[in-house]
Protein backbone atom coordinates (compact mmCIF):
# COMPACT_ATOMS: atom_id res chain seq x y z
CA MET A 1 39.33 123.06 21.63
CA MET A 2 36.38 122.06 23.70
CA ALA A 3 35.38 124.36 26.53
CA ALA A 4 33.53 123.10 29.61
CA HIS A 5 32.00 124.96 32.56
CA SER A 6 33.94 126.09 35.65
CA GLY A 7 36.72 127.35 33.39
CA LEU A 8 37.67 123.86 32.40
CA GLY A 9 39.31 123.56 28.99
CA LEU A 10 39.50 120.29 27.14
CA TRP A 11 42.02 119.72 24.36
CA ARG A 12 41.09 117.07 21.89
CA ALA A 13 43.69 114.37 21.52
CA GLY A 14 41.91 111.76 19.45
CA LEU A 15 38.73 110.03 18.59
CA ILE A 16 38.01 106.32 18.51
CA ALA A 17 34.79 105.73 16.62
CA TRP A 18 33.44 102.24 16.15
CA SER A 19 31.86 101.95 12.71
CA LEU A 20 28.63 100.00 12.73
CA ALA A 21 29.59 98.44 9.43
CA SER A 22 32.56 96.71 11.00
CA LEU A 23 30.95 95.52 14.17
CA ALA A 24 30.82 91.91 15.17
CA TRP A 25 27.91 92.71 17.46
CA ALA A 26 25.31 95.45 17.70
CA ASP A 27 22.32 95.72 20.04
CA THR A 28 22.76 92.16 21.35
CA PRO A 29 25.16 92.01 24.33
CA THR A 30 28.17 89.77 24.26
CA SER A 31 29.33 87.61 27.11
CA GLY A 32 32.63 87.48 28.89
CA LYS A 33 35.31 90.14 29.22
CA VAL A 34 35.44 93.47 27.39
CA HIS A 35 36.45 92.95 23.78
CA PRO A 36 39.93 94.51 23.25
CA ASP A 37 38.69 96.24 20.07
CA HIS A 38 35.82 97.99 21.82
CA PRO A 39 36.42 101.78 22.13
CA LEU A 40 35.81 101.50 25.89
CA ALA A 41 38.56 98.96 26.45
CA PRO A 42 41.39 101.48 26.78
CA ALA A 43 39.13 103.81 28.73
CA LEU A 44 38.46 101.06 31.23
CA GLU A 45 42.21 100.33 31.46
CA GLN A 46 42.77 103.90 32.66
CA ALA A 47 39.82 103.63 35.04
CA TYR A 48 41.29 100.41 36.51
CA LYS A 49 44.61 102.19 37.07
CA ALA A 50 42.75 104.94 38.87
CA ARG A 51 41.11 102.32 41.05
CA GLU A 52 44.56 100.95 41.91
CA ALA A 53 45.69 104.46 42.88
CA LEU A 54 42.67 104.79 45.13
CA ALA A 55 43.51 101.56 46.89
CA ALA A 56 46.39 103.36 48.59
CA ILE A 57 44.13 106.14 49.90
CA LYS A 58 42.86 105.35 53.38
CA ASP A 59 41.21 108.69 54.12
CA TYR A 60 40.99 112.26 52.85
CA GLU A 61 39.59 115.73 53.36
CA CYS A 62 38.43 117.90 50.48
CA LEU A 63 36.00 120.43 49.11
CA PHE A 64 33.17 118.44 47.58
CA GLU A 65 31.01 120.09 44.94
CA LYS A 66 28.07 118.49 43.22
CA ARG A 67 25.45 119.48 40.65
CA GLU A 68 22.41 117.26 40.27
CA ARG A 69 19.35 117.61 38.12
CA PHE A 70 15.83 117.00 39.38
CA GLY A 71 13.45 117.68 36.52
CA ALA A 72 13.95 121.31 35.51
CA ARG A 73 15.95 122.08 38.68
CA LEU A 74 19.71 121.90 38.83
CA VAL A 75 20.76 121.73 42.51
CA VAL A 76 24.28 122.95 43.26
CA SER A 77 25.93 122.07 46.60
CA LYS A 78 29.32 122.79 48.17
CA MET A 79 30.60 121.21 51.34
CA THR A 80 33.69 120.14 53.23
CA LEU A 81 34.06 116.36 53.18
CA LYS A 82 36.05 114.11 55.50
CA LEU A 83 36.04 110.46 54.43
CA ARG A 84 37.61 107.32 55.87
CA GLU A 85 37.39 104.08 53.91
CA ASP A 86 37.49 101.55 56.77
CA PRO A 87 35.19 101.61 58.52
CA PHE A 88 33.40 103.70 55.91
CA SER A 89 32.92 107.05 57.63
CA VAL A 90 31.68 110.45 56.39
CA TYR A 91 31.62 113.93 57.89
CA LEU A 92 30.04 116.77 55.91
CA PHE A 93 29.94 120.48 56.64
CA PHE A 94 27.68 122.39 54.24
CA HIS A 95 28.82 125.69 52.80
CA ASP A 96 26.08 126.36 50.24
CA PRO A 97 23.19 125.85 50.50
CA HIS A 98 22.23 125.08 54.16
CA GLN A 99 25.30 126.90 55.54
CA GLY A 100 26.39 125.22 58.78
CA ARG A 101 24.54 121.93 58.40
CA GLU A 102 26.64 118.98 59.56
CA VAL A 103 26.18 115.29 58.79
CA ILE A 104 27.98 112.29 60.16
CA TYR A 105 27.64 108.69 58.97
CA VAL A 106 29.71 105.73 60.19
CA GLU A 107 29.10 102.26 58.80
CA GLY A 108 28.09 99.82 61.52
CA ARG A 109 27.36 102.51 64.12
CA ASN A 110 24.37 104.52 65.25
CA SER A 111 22.11 101.65 64.14
CA GLY A 112 23.02 102.39 60.50
CA MET A 113 21.61 105.91 60.75
CA LEU A 114 23.21 109.20 59.79
CA LEU A 115 23.28 112.02 62.38
CA ALA A 116 22.64 115.58 61.31
CA HIS A 117 21.73 119.02 62.57
CA GLU A 118 20.53 122.22 60.96
CA THR A 119 21.18 125.88 61.83
CA GLY A 120 18.93 128.83 62.53
CA ILE A 121 15.32 128.19 63.51
CA LYS A 122 15.60 124.59 62.30
CA ALA A 123 18.29 123.91 64.92
CA ILE A 124 15.56 123.64 67.48
CA ALA A 125 15.17 120.00 66.42
CA GLY A 126 18.67 119.32 67.69
CA THR A 127 20.62 116.36 66.36
CA VAL A 128 18.35 114.12 64.33
CA SER A 129 18.85 110.49 63.28
CA ARG A 130 17.80 109.44 59.78
CA ASP A 131 17.95 106.34 57.58
CA PRO A 132 20.35 107.27 54.75
CA ASP A 133 17.80 106.03 52.22
CA SER A 134 14.81 107.82 53.76
CA SER A 135 12.93 110.49 51.86
CA ASP A 136 14.21 113.17 54.26
CA ALA A 137 17.84 112.18 53.81
CA MET A 138 17.47 111.80 50.01
CA LYS A 139 15.84 115.19 49.43
CA ASP A 140 17.78 116.94 46.65
CA ASN A 141 20.20 114.00 46.48
CA ARG A 142 20.49 111.49 43.65
CA TYR A 143 22.54 109.10 45.87
CA PRO A 144 22.55 108.44 49.64
CA VAL A 145 25.46 109.47 51.83
CA THR A 146 26.57 105.84 51.81
CA MET A 147 27.52 106.31 48.11
CA ILE A 148 29.68 109.40 48.53
CA GLY A 149 33.39 109.47 47.78
CA MET A 150 35.85 109.04 44.90
CA ARG A 151 35.98 105.28 45.13
CA LYS A 152 32.26 104.73 44.84
CA MET A 153 31.98 107.38 42.15
CA LEU A 154 34.67 105.62 40.11
CA ASP A 155 33.08 102.23 40.74
CA ARG A 156 29.84 103.48 39.23
CA VAL A 157 31.61 104.67 36.10
CA ILE A 158 33.50 101.37 35.76
CA ALA A 159 30.32 99.35 36.16
CA GLN A 160 28.59 101.57 33.60
CA TRP A 161 31.40 101.26 31.02
CA GLU A 162 31.72 97.49 31.54
CA HIS A 163 28.02 97.21 30.84
CA GLU A 164 28.12 99.54 27.82
CA ALA A 165 31.12 97.68 26.41
CA ARG A 166 28.74 94.82 25.63
CA TYR A 167 27.09 96.96 22.96
CA ALA A 168 27.98 98.99 19.88
CA GLU A 169 27.32 102.66 19.19
CA THR A 170 30.01 104.05 21.42
CA GLU A 171 32.52 106.83 20.72
CA VAL A 172 35.40 107.64 23.02
CA GLN A 173 37.60 110.73 23.07
CA TYR A 174 40.70 111.49 25.16
CA TYR A 175 41.82 114.88 26.40
CA PRO A 176 45.32 114.57 27.88
CA ASN A 177 45.69 118.27 28.77
CA ALA A 178 42.46 119.10 30.56
CA ARG A 179 42.56 121.57 33.41
CA LEU A 180 40.41 122.43 36.37
CA GLY A 181 41.76 125.60 37.94
CA ASP A 182 45.39 124.78 38.75
CA LEU A 183 44.86 121.05 38.47
CA GLU A 184 46.42 119.30 35.52
CA LEU A 185 44.08 116.52 34.44
CA LYS A 186 43.37 114.05 31.69
CA ALA A 187 39.82 113.40 30.69
CA ILE A 188 38.01 110.48 29.06
CA GLU A 189 34.71 111.07 27.33
CA SER A 190 32.31 108.35 26.20
CA LYS A 191 29.28 109.11 24.09
CA HIS A 192 26.34 107.27 22.52
CA PRO A 193 24.85 108.95 19.44
CA GLN A 194 21.34 107.48 19.87
CA PRO A 195 19.27 106.79 23.00
CA ARG A 196 19.03 103.09 23.71
CA LYS A 197 17.58 101.23 26.66
CA GLN A 198 21.08 99.92 27.52
CA PHE A 199 22.53 103.42 27.85
CA LYS A 200 21.60 105.37 30.96
CA PHE A 201 23.50 108.50 29.86
CA HIS A 202 24.25 110.13 26.53
CA MET A 203 27.73 111.25 27.55
CA THR A 204 30.08 110.51 30.41
CA ARG A 205 33.30 112.34 31.32
CA LEU A 206 35.85 111.01 33.80
CA TYR A 207 38.62 113.36 34.95
CA LEU A 208 41.86 111.88 36.39
CA HIS A 209 44.58 113.88 38.12
CA LYS A 210 47.68 113.52 35.99
CA GLN A 211 50.15 112.98 38.78
CA SER A 212 48.17 110.93 41.28
CA GLN A 213 45.70 109.25 38.84
CA LEU A 214 42.92 109.97 41.33
CA PRO A 215 39.41 110.49 39.87
CA VAL A 216 38.53 114.08 40.82
CA ARG A 217 35.45 114.66 38.70
CA VAL A 218 32.71 112.82 36.88
CA GLU A 219 30.11 114.45 34.62
CA GLN A 220 27.04 112.66 33.32
CA TYR A 221 24.80 114.10 30.58
CA ASP A 222 21.32 113.05 29.53
CA PHE A 223 20.31 112.64 25.89
CA PRO A 224 19.14 115.92 24.36
CA LYS A 225 15.39 116.12 23.88
CA LYS A 226 15.73 117.44 20.34
CA GLN A 227 18.36 116.91 17.67
CA GLY A 228 20.83 119.77 17.74
CA ASP A 229 20.21 120.65 21.37
CA SER A 230 23.04 120.54 23.89
CA PRO A 231 22.87 117.49 26.21
CA PRO A 232 21.61 118.56 29.65
CA LEU A 233 23.83 117.90 32.64
CA ALA A 234 22.36 115.14 34.80
CA GLU A 235 24.95 114.97 37.56
CA GLU A 236 28.44 116.16 38.31
CA TYR A 237 30.71 115.39 41.25
CA THR A 238 34.03 117.15 41.94
CA TYR A 239 36.66 116.60 44.61
CA LEU A 240 38.93 119.63 45.10
CA LYS A 241 41.72 120.63 47.52
CA LEU A 242 42.38 117.00 48.38
CA ARG A 243 44.47 116.12 51.42
CA THR A 244 44.99 112.35 51.45
CA ASN A 245 46.07 109.85 54.12
CA ILE A 246 45.93 112.47 56.89
CA GLY A 247 45.17 109.98 59.65
CA LEU A 248 41.49 110.57 60.32
CA THR A 249 40.27 108.84 63.48
CA ASP A 250 36.98 108.03 65.19
CA HIS A 251 37.17 111.54 66.70
CA ASP A 252 36.65 113.04 63.22
CA PHE A 253 33.34 111.21 62.92
CA ASP A 254 32.00 111.84 66.43
CA ILE A 255 29.27 114.39 67.13
CA LYS A 256 31.08 115.12 70.43
CA ASN A 257 34.06 116.57 68.52
CA PRO A 258 34.45 120.10 70.01
CA ASN A 259 35.32 121.43 66.54
CA TYR A 260 31.82 120.59 65.38
CA SER A 261 28.51 122.27 66.23
CA PHE A 262 26.25 119.30 67.01
CA PRO A 263 23.92 120.32 69.84
C-alpha cells in the first residue's frame, strides 16, 4: 500500500516497466503517434477518456485547493471556484490565505484584464484591474488565472505525456482503488528514474473520479536532489465538492453581483 498526503491511500494494482534492453528507441525522440507498446500509451487512453467526459461539462462550482513550490516555500491556497467554459469565465473567492479576496476574469471582456479586490486595510485600493500575466497577478502562482480549471489541468498532463512518450525510461503504475476523503478514484502514476532534459518532472499522478471520469487532482514531483531522498512536491491541484452544469450565467462573473463584495 502506498500512502499519500491528505489521507489519500493508493493501492498498487500493477507496474508496467519498460526495460532499456528491449527498447527500440532511447534518448532520441520518435516521430508520429504514441507507440502502442510505450508504458504511457494506456495511461493516455484513460486521459483521453477523461477529456471526453469533460467535454460534457459546461460549467461548475467547487472547492479548489492548490499547493505550489517556490524555492523552499510551499504555498497552500484554498478558494471557492466558479468556472464557465464558454466564454471562459472564472470567479474566485479566497478562503486561505487572503480570506475574502475575490477575483473575476472573463475572456474577451474588461480589456483582457482580471478584476480583483482585497480585504482589510488593502481594500482601500478598491477594485483593481490587472493583466493576468503581470508580476502582481502571478505572485505566488505558477500559472495565470487563464490556465485554471480541470480541462486545462488535464490538457497539460496530456501534452506532457504525449511528449514523454517519445522517449524511454518511463514507468507507469495504476491504482484502481485510490480514495480522497469520500471520493472513489483511480490514479495513474508516471515516473522517470533519472533526470533528463526531456522530463520536466520526476513523477506525475493523475486522479480520475471513478464514476464521472473527471480529473479531480494532479500532483507533480521534482527529481530528488540526492539519491534516496523523497521527491519534493512541485505542484498539486485538487477540485473538490464539484457541482457541474449548474447553469452559471454572466451574473456569476459580474462584479456588480450583490452576493459578492466588490467595492
